[in-house]
Amino acid sequence: MCDRLVPPADESDPVVRFAPNLLQLTSATFLVPGAVCVAQGRLVGVSVHCGNAVCSVYVHRPNRTAVDNAGDIFDHFFVAMWVCYNTYILACERPASSAFAVGCAVCVACAKVWTKCLKYRSLQRYAVHACMHVFGTLGSMALLL
């Protein structure tokens, strides 16, 4: 099962190439805060969270190489927008679960640094990066609910 969660570096298995991998699955969790934003009438939030989900699913495609392309630029843009959006909610609305959301943000930052120390396309790197996606989603949900 674990071999299906991380695409092979040489793309040798055509079945794996089309199956969603761990990072694509956890990227889809960004749709949950996007749906909450729909229910709350937060158009910017819908754009930020859903844009992150779609872009992240694409960026984590199985045939991706280690070299960045235009999709990665959009991914960095959406991540920056997500940080700005969450910072705005934190600063202007001061939700009750702000401390939890900040804790999740710290976990996201630590995971981002940690992934850079792990081998590209390794299960360990994918697991840490997946945790980063989940903590990002949890932090966003804490700010919205």
N, C-alpha and C. Protein backbone atom coordinates (compact mmCIF):
# COMPACT_ATOMS: atom_id res chain seq x y z
N MET A 1 0.82 -1.20 0.00
CA MET A 1 0.00 0.00 0.00
C MET A 1 0.86 1.26 0.00
N CYS A 2 1.93 1.28 0.82
CA CYS A 2 2.76 2.48 0.91
C CYS A 2 3.41 2.83 -0.42
N ASP A 3 3.69 1.82 -1.24
CA ASP A 3 4.32 2.12 -2.52
C ASP A 3 3.36 2.86 -3.45
N ARG A 4 2.08 2.85 -3.17
CA ARG A 4 1.10 3.58 -3.98
C ARG A 4 0.93 5.02 -3.49
N LEU A 5 1.40 5.33 -2.30
CA LEU A 5 1.24 6.67 -1.75
C LEU A 5 2.28 7.65 -2.25
N VAL A 6 3.44 7.12 -2.69
CA VAL A 6 4.52 7.96 -3.18
C VAL A 6 4.85 7.52 -4.60
N PRO A 7 4.76 8.41 -5.57
CA PRO A 7 5.07 8.02 -6.96
C PRO A 7 6.54 7.65 -7.09
N PRO A 8 6.86 6.68 -7.95
CA PRO A 8 8.26 6.34 -8.16
C PRO A 8 9.00 7.48 -8.85
N ALA A 9 10.26 7.65 -8.53
CA ALA A 9 11.06 8.73 -9.11
C ALA A 9 11.20 8.57 -10.62
N ASP A 10 11.18 7.32 -11.12
CA ASP A 10 11.38 7.09 -12.55
C ASP A 10 10.07 6.91 -13.32
N GLU A 11 8.93 7.05 -12.65
CA GLU A 11 7.62 6.93 -13.28
C GLU A 11 7.47 5.61 -14.04
N SER A 12 8.03 4.53 -13.50
CA SER A 12 8.06 3.26 -14.21
C SER A 12 6.71 2.53 -14.19
N ASP A 13 5.85 2.81 -13.25
CA ASP A 13 4.59 2.10 -13.12
C ASP A 13 3.45 2.98 -13.64
N PRO A 14 2.88 2.65 -14.81
CA PRO A 14 1.83 3.50 -15.37
C PRO A 14 0.57 3.56 -14.52
N VAL A 15 0.28 2.54 -13.71
CA VAL A 15 -0.89 2.56 -12.85
C VAL A 15 -0.73 3.62 -11.77
N VAL A 16 0.45 3.67 -11.15
CA VAL A 16 0.72 4.65 -10.09
C VAL A 16 0.64 6.06 -10.65
N ARG A 17 1.04 6.23 -11.90
CA ARG A 17 1.05 7.55 -12.50
C ARG A 17 -0.32 8.22 -12.47
N PHE A 18 -1.38 7.43 -12.53
CA PHE A 18 -2.72 7.99 -12.59
C PHE A 18 -3.49 7.88 -11.27
N ALA A 19 -2.93 7.19 -10.30
CA ALA A 19 -3.59 7.07 -8.99
C ALA A 19 -3.23 8.28 -8.14
N PRO A 20 -4.19 8.81 -7.37
CA PRO A 20 -3.84 9.94 -6.50
C PRO A 20 -2.85 9.50 -5.42
N ASN A 21 -1.86 10.33 -5.17
CA ASN A 21 -0.87 10.00 -4.15
C ASN A 21 -1.24 10.69 -2.84
N LEU A 22 -0.46 10.43 -1.81
CA LEU A 22 -0.74 10.94 -0.47
C LEU A 22 -0.88 12.45 -0.44
N LEU A 23 -0.01 13.17 -1.15
CA LEU A 23 -0.06 14.63 -1.12
C LEU A 23 -1.27 15.17 -1.88
N GLN A 24 -1.67 14.48 -2.92
CA GLN A 24 -2.88 14.91 -3.63
C GLN A 24 -4.12 14.68 -2.76
N LEU A 25 -4.14 13.57 -2.05
CA LEU A 25 -5.28 13.30 -1.18
C LEU A 25 -5.37 14.32 -0.05
N THR A 26 -4.24 14.64 0.59
CA THR A 26 -4.29 15.60 1.69
C THR A 26 -4.49 17.03 1.18
N SER A 27 -4.10 17.31 -0.05
CA SER A 27 -4.37 18.63 -0.63
C SER A 27 -5.86 18.86 -0.77
N ALA A 28 -6.59 17.80 -1.00
CA ALA A 28 -8.04 17.91 -1.15
C ALA A 28 -8.72 18.35 0.15
N THR A 29 -8.03 18.21 1.29
CA THR A 29 -8.62 18.65 2.56
C THR A 29 -8.82 20.17 2.58
N PHE A 30 -8.12 20.90 1.72
CA PHE A 30 -8.29 22.36 1.66
C PHE A 30 -9.69 22.73 1.16
N LEU A 31 -10.38 21.77 0.55
CA LEU A 31 -11.75 22.03 0.11
C LEU A 31 -12.71 22.16 1.29
N VAL A 32 -12.37 21.56 2.43
CA VAL A 32 -13.26 21.64 3.60
C VAL A 32 -13.38 23.08 4.10
N PRO A 33 -12.26 23.79 4.39
CA PRO A 33 -12.44 25.20 4.75
C PRO A 33 -13.04 26.02 3.61
N GLY A 34 -12.80 25.61 2.38
CA GLY A 34 -13.43 26.28 1.25
C GLY A 34 -14.94 26.16 1.32
N ALA A 35 -15.43 24.98 1.68
CA ALA A 35 -16.88 24.76 1.81
C ALA A 35 -17.45 25.56 2.99
N VAL A 36 -16.68 25.66 4.07
CA VAL A 36 -17.13 26.47 5.21
C VAL A 36 -17.24 27.93 4.78
N CYS A 37 -16.28 28.38 4.00
CA CYS A 37 -16.32 29.76 3.50
C CYS A 37 -17.54 29.99 2.61
N VAL A 38 -17.91 28.99 1.81
CA VAL A 38 -19.13 29.10 1.00
C VAL A 38 -20.32 29.31 1.92
N ALA A 39 -20.41 28.48 2.96
CA ALA A 39 -21.55 28.57 3.89
C ALA A 39 -21.57 29.90 4.63
N GLN A 40 -20.40 30.48 4.86
CA GLN A 40 -20.31 31.75 5.60
C GLN A 40 -20.33 32.97 4.69
N GLY A 41 -20.39 32.75 3.38
CA GLY A 41 -20.41 33.86 2.43
C GLY A 41 -19.08 34.58 2.31
N ARG A 42 -17.99 33.89 2.51
CA ARG A 42 -16.65 34.47 2.42
C ARG A 42 -16.06 34.15 1.04
N LEU A 43 -16.32 35.00 0.07
CA LEU A 43 -15.89 34.76 -1.30
C LEU A 43 -14.37 34.68 -1.42
N VAL A 44 -13.67 35.57 -0.74
CA VAL A 44 -12.20 35.53 -0.80
C VAL A 44 -11.70 34.21 -0.22
N GLY A 45 -12.28 33.78 0.88
CA GLY A 45 -11.89 32.51 1.49
C GLY A 45 -12.12 31.33 0.57
N VAL A 46 -13.26 31.34 -0.13
CA VAL A 46 -13.54 30.28 -1.10
C VAL A 46 -12.45 30.26 -2.15
N SER A 47 -12.10 31.42 -2.68
CA SER A 47 -11.07 31.50 -3.71
C SER A 47 -9.72 31.02 -3.20
N VAL A 48 -9.36 31.44 -2.00
CA VAL A 48 -8.05 31.09 -1.44
C VAL A 48 -7.96 29.59 -1.17
N HIS A 49 -8.94 29.05 -0.46
CA HIS A 49 -8.88 27.63 -0.08
C HIS A 49 -9.06 26.70 -1.27
N CYS A 50 -10.02 26.99 -2.12
CA CYS A 50 -10.25 26.13 -3.29
C CYS A 50 -9.11 26.26 -4.30
N GLY A 51 -8.58 27.49 -4.45
CA GLY A 51 -7.42 27.67 -5.31
C GLY A 51 -6.22 26.88 -4.81
N ASN A 52 -6.01 26.88 -3.50
CA ASN A 52 -4.94 26.09 -2.91
C ASN A 52 -5.14 24.60 -3.18
N ALA A 53 -6.37 24.13 -3.01
CA ALA A 53 -6.65 22.71 -3.22
C ALA A 53 -6.35 22.29 -4.66
N VAL A 54 -6.91 23.02 -5.61
CA VAL A 54 -6.74 22.66 -7.02
C VAL A 54 -5.28 22.75 -7.43
N CYS A 55 -4.63 23.84 -7.07
CA CYS A 55 -3.23 24.03 -7.45
C CYS A 55 -2.33 22.99 -6.79
N SER A 56 -2.59 22.68 -5.54
CA SER A 56 -1.77 21.71 -4.82
C SER A 56 -1.94 20.30 -5.38
N VAL A 57 -3.16 19.93 -5.74
CA VAL A 57 -3.37 18.62 -6.36
C VAL A 57 -2.57 18.53 -7.65
N TYR A 58 -2.56 19.61 -8.43
CA TYR A 58 -1.78 19.61 -9.68
C TYR A 58 -0.27 19.55 -9.40
N VAL A 59 0.19 20.37 -8.48
CA VAL A 59 1.63 20.45 -8.20
C VAL A 59 2.16 19.11 -7.69
N HIS A 60 1.34 18.37 -6.97
CA HIS A 60 1.78 17.09 -6.42
C HIS A 60 1.47 15.91 -7.34
N ARG A 61 1.36 16.19 -8.63
CA ARG A 61 1.07 15.15 -9.61
C ARG A 61 2.21 14.11 -9.64
N PRO A 62 1.88 12.89 -9.99
CA PRO A 62 2.89 11.83 -9.98
C PRO A 62 4.06 12.03 -10.95
N ASN A 63 3.84 12.71 -12.08
CA ASN A 63 4.93 12.87 -13.05
C ASN A 63 5.70 14.17 -12.85
N ARG A 64 5.58 14.77 -11.70
CA ARG A 64 6.30 15.99 -11.38
C ARG A 64 7.80 15.71 -11.26
N THR A 65 8.59 16.70 -11.63
CA THR A 65 10.04 16.61 -11.44
C THR A 65 10.45 17.56 -10.32
N ALA A 66 11.69 17.49 -9.91
CA ALA A 66 12.18 18.34 -8.81
C ALA A 66 12.34 19.79 -9.25
N VAL A 67 12.29 20.06 -10.56
CA VAL A 67 12.46 21.41 -11.08
C VAL A 67 11.10 22.13 -11.06
N ASP A 68 11.09 23.34 -10.54
CA ASP A 68 9.85 24.12 -10.47
C ASP A 68 9.40 24.58 -11.86
N ASN A 69 8.07 24.70 -12.02
CA ASN A 69 7.52 25.23 -13.26
C ASN A 69 6.45 26.27 -12.91
N ALA A 70 5.64 26.67 -13.88
CA ALA A 70 4.63 27.71 -13.65
C ALA A 70 3.62 27.30 -12.59
N GLY A 71 3.28 26.02 -12.54
CA GLY A 71 2.36 25.54 -11.52
C GLY A 71 2.88 25.78 -10.12
N ASP A 72 4.18 25.66 -9.95
CA ASP A 72 4.79 25.90 -8.64
C ASP A 72 4.71 27.38 -8.27
N ILE A 73 4.81 28.25 -9.25
CA ILE A 73 4.68 29.69 -8.98
C ILE A 73 3.26 29.99 -8.49
N PHE A 74 2.26 29.39 -9.15
CA PHE A 74 0.88 29.56 -8.70
C PHE A 74 0.70 28.97 -7.30
N ASP A 75 1.33 27.83 -7.04
CA ASP A 75 1.24 27.21 -5.72
C ASP A 75 1.79 28.15 -4.65
N HIS A 76 2.96 28.74 -4.91
CA HIS A 76 3.55 29.68 -3.96
C HIS A 76 2.63 30.90 -3.77
N PHE A 77 2.02 31.36 -4.85
CA PHE A 77 1.09 32.49 -4.78
C PHE A 77 -0.09 32.14 -3.88
N PHE A 78 -0.71 30.97 -4.11
CA PHE A 78 -1.87 30.59 -3.31
C PHE A 78 -1.51 30.36 -1.85
N VAL A 79 -0.34 29.81 -1.59
CA VAL A 79 0.09 29.63 -0.20
C VAL A 79 0.27 30.99 0.46
N ALA A 80 0.88 31.93 -0.25
CA ALA A 80 1.05 33.29 0.29
C ALA A 80 -0.31 33.93 0.56
N MET A 81 -1.26 33.74 -0.35
CA MET A 81 -2.60 34.29 -0.15
C MET A 81 -3.29 33.64 1.05
N TRP A 82 -3.06 32.33 1.23
CA TRP A 82 -3.62 31.61 2.36
C TRP A 82 -3.06 32.16 3.68
N VAL A 83 -1.76 32.40 3.72
CA VAL A 83 -1.15 32.97 4.92
C VAL A 83 -1.73 34.36 5.19
N CYS A 84 -1.83 35.18 4.16
CA CYS A 84 -2.39 36.53 4.33
C CYS A 84 -3.85 36.48 4.78
N TYR A 85 -4.63 35.59 4.19
CA TYR A 85 -6.04 35.48 4.54
C TYR A 85 -6.21 35.04 5.99
N ASN A 86 -5.46 34.02 6.39
CA ASN A 86 -5.55 33.55 7.77
C ASN A 86 -5.05 34.60 8.75
N THR A 87 -4.01 35.34 8.38
CA THR A 87 -3.50 36.41 9.24
C THR A 87 -4.56 37.50 9.39
N TYR A 88 -5.24 37.82 8.31
CA TYR A 88 -6.32 38.82 8.37
C TYR A 88 -7.41 38.37 9.35
N ILE A 89 -7.86 37.12 9.22
CA ILE A 89 -8.91 36.61 10.11
C ILE A 89 -8.42 36.64 11.56
N LEU A 90 -7.20 36.22 11.77
CA LEU A 90 -6.63 36.18 13.12
C LEU A 90 -6.55 37.58 13.73
N ALA A 91 -6.09 38.54 12.94
CA ALA A 91 -5.89 39.90 13.45
C ALA A 91 -7.19 40.69 13.58
N CYS A 92 -8.07 40.55 12.61
CA CYS A 92 -9.27 41.39 12.58
C CYS A 92 -10.48 40.78 13.27
N GLU A 93 -10.59 39.47 13.23
CA GLU A 93 -11.79 38.84 13.81
C GLU A 93 -11.52 38.20 15.17
N ARG A 94 -10.27 37.94 15.47
CA ARG A 94 -9.86 37.34 16.75
C ARG A 94 -10.76 36.19 17.19
N PRO A 95 -10.75 35.09 16.41
CA PRO A 95 -11.60 33.95 16.78
C PRO A 95 -11.19 33.34 18.12
N ALA A 96 -12.13 32.65 18.76
CA ALA A 96 -11.88 32.06 20.08
C ALA A 96 -10.77 31.00 20.03
N SER A 97 -10.62 30.33 18.92
CA SER A 97 -9.62 29.26 18.81
C SER A 97 -8.33 29.75 18.16
N SER A 98 -7.99 31.01 18.37
CA SER A 98 -6.78 31.59 17.77
C SER A 98 -5.51 30.88 18.21
N ALA A 99 -5.42 30.51 19.48
CA ALA A 99 -4.20 29.85 19.98
C ALA A 99 -3.98 28.52 19.27
N PHE A 100 -5.06 27.77 19.08
CA PHE A 100 -4.94 26.49 18.36
C PHE A 100 -4.51 26.74 16.93
N ALA A 101 -5.08 27.74 16.28
CA ALA A 101 -4.74 28.06 14.89
C ALA A 101 -3.27 28.47 14.78
N VAL A 102 -2.79 29.25 15.72
CA VAL A 102 -1.38 29.65 15.70
C VAL A 102 -0.49 28.42 15.92
N GLY A 103 -0.90 27.52 16.80
CA GLY A 103 -0.15 26.27 17.00
C GLY A 103 -0.07 25.46 15.72
N CYS A 104 -1.18 25.39 14.99
CA CYS A 104 -1.18 24.70 13.69
C CYS A 104 -0.24 25.38 12.70
N ALA A 105 -0.22 26.72 12.72
CA ALA A 105 0.67 27.47 11.82
C ALA A 105 2.14 27.16 12.14
N VAL A 106 2.46 27.05 13.41
CA VAL A 106 3.83 26.69 13.81
C VAL A 106 4.16 25.29 13.30
N CYS A 107 3.22 24.36 13.42
CA CYS A 107 3.44 23.01 12.90
C CYS A 107 3.65 23.02 11.39
N VAL A 108 2.89 23.84 10.68
CA VAL A 108 3.05 23.96 9.22
C VAL A 108 4.45 24.47 8.90
N ALA A 109 4.89 25.50 9.60
CA ALA A 109 6.22 26.08 9.35
C ALA A 109 7.33 25.07 9.64
N CYS A 110 7.21 24.36 10.74
CA CYS A 110 8.23 23.36 11.09
C CYS A 110 8.26 22.23 10.07
N ALA A 111 7.07 21.79 9.64
CA ALA A 111 7.01 20.72 8.64
C ALA A 111 7.62 21.17 7.32
N LYS A 112 7.39 22.42 6.95
CA LYS A 112 7.97 22.96 5.71
C LYS A 112 9.49 22.88 5.74
N VAL A 113 10.07 23.28 6.87
CA VAL A 113 11.53 23.23 7.01
C VAL A 113 11.99 21.77 7.01
N TRP A 114 11.28 20.93 7.74
CA TRP A 114 11.68 19.52 7.86
C TRP A 114 11.66 18.81 6.51
N THR A 115 10.68 19.11 5.66
CA THR A 115 10.62 18.43 4.35
C THR A 115 11.84 18.71 3.51
N LYS A 116 12.42 19.89 3.68
CA LYS A 116 13.61 20.23 2.89
C LYS A 116 14.81 19.37 3.26
N CYS A 117 14.77 18.75 4.44
CA CYS A 117 15.88 17.91 4.90
C CYS A 117 15.69 16.45 4.50
N LEU A 118 14.55 16.10 3.93
CA LEU A 118 14.25 14.71 3.59
C LEU A 118 14.40 14.47 2.10
N LYS A 119 14.67 13.23 1.75
CA LYS A 119 14.89 12.85 0.35
C LYS A 119 13.63 13.07 -0.48
N TYR A 120 13.82 13.66 -1.66
CA TYR A 120 12.71 13.90 -2.60
C TYR A 120 12.05 12.57 -2.95
N ARG A 121 10.73 12.56 -2.94
CA ARG A 121 9.91 11.40 -3.26
C ARG A 121 10.11 10.23 -2.28
N SER A 122 10.47 10.52 -1.05
CA SER A 122 10.54 9.47 -0.04
C SER A 122 9.23 9.44 0.74
N LEU A 123 8.90 8.29 1.31
CA LEU A 123 7.68 8.17 2.10
C LEU A 123 7.75 9.11 3.31
N GLN A 124 8.93 9.26 3.90
CA GLN A 124 9.08 10.15 5.06
C GLN A 124 8.75 11.59 4.68
N ARG A 125 9.28 12.05 3.54
CA ARG A 125 9.01 13.42 3.11
C ARG A 125 7.53 13.61 2.80
N TYR A 126 6.93 12.62 2.14
CA TYR A 126 5.51 12.71 1.83
C TYR A 126 4.68 12.73 3.11
N ALA A 127 5.05 11.94 4.10
CA ALA A 127 4.29 11.89 5.36
C ALA A 127 4.36 13.23 6.09
N VAL A 128 5.55 13.82 6.15
CA VAL A 128 5.71 15.12 6.82
C VAL A 128 4.94 16.20 6.05
N HIS A 129 5.04 16.17 4.73
CA HIS A 129 4.35 17.16 3.91
C HIS A 129 2.82 16.98 4.03
N ALA A 130 2.37 15.74 4.11
CA ALA A 130 0.94 15.48 4.29
C ALA A 130 0.46 16.04 5.63
N CYS A 131 1.29 15.87 6.67
CA CYS A 131 0.95 16.45 7.98
C CYS A 131 0.85 17.96 7.88
N MET A 132 1.72 18.56 7.07
CA MET A 132 1.67 20.00 6.86
C MET A 132 0.32 20.41 6.26
N HIS A 133 -0.15 19.65 5.27
CA HIS A 133 -1.46 19.93 4.67
C HIS A 133 -2.56 19.82 5.72
N VAL A 134 -2.52 18.77 6.52
CA VAL A 134 -3.58 18.54 7.51
C VAL A 134 -3.57 19.63 8.58
N PHE A 135 -2.38 19.99 9.08
CA PHE A 135 -2.32 21.06 10.07
C PHE A 135 -2.77 22.40 9.48
N GLY A 136 -2.48 22.63 8.22
CA GLY A 136 -2.95 23.84 7.55
C GLY A 136 -4.47 23.88 7.49
N THR A 137 -5.07 22.74 7.16
CA THR A 137 -6.52 22.66 7.12
C THR A 137 -7.12 22.84 8.50
N LEU A 138 -6.55 22.18 9.50
CA LEU A 138 -7.06 22.31 10.87
C LEU A 138 -6.97 23.75 11.38
N GLY A 139 -5.85 24.41 11.09
CA GLY A 139 -5.69 25.80 11.50
C GLY A 139 -6.70 26.71 10.83
N SER A 140 -6.93 26.48 9.56
CA SER A 140 -7.93 27.29 8.84
C SER A 140 -9.32 27.05 9.41
N MET A 141 -9.64 25.79 9.70
CA MET A 141 -10.95 25.48 10.27
C MET A 141 -11.10 26.14 11.64
N ALA A 142 -10.04 26.15 12.42
CA ALA A 142 -10.11 26.78 13.75
C ALA A 142 -10.42 28.27 13.64
N LEU A 143 -9.90 28.90 12.60
CA LEU A 143 -10.15 30.33 12.42
C LEU A 143 -11.57 30.60 11.91
N LEU A 144 -12.12 29.67 11.18
CA LEU A 144 -13.43 29.87 10.55
C LEU A 144 -14.62 29.48 11.43
N LEU A 145 -14.40 28.53 12.31
CA LEU A 145 -15.53 28.03 13.12
C LEU A 145 -15.61 28.68 14.49
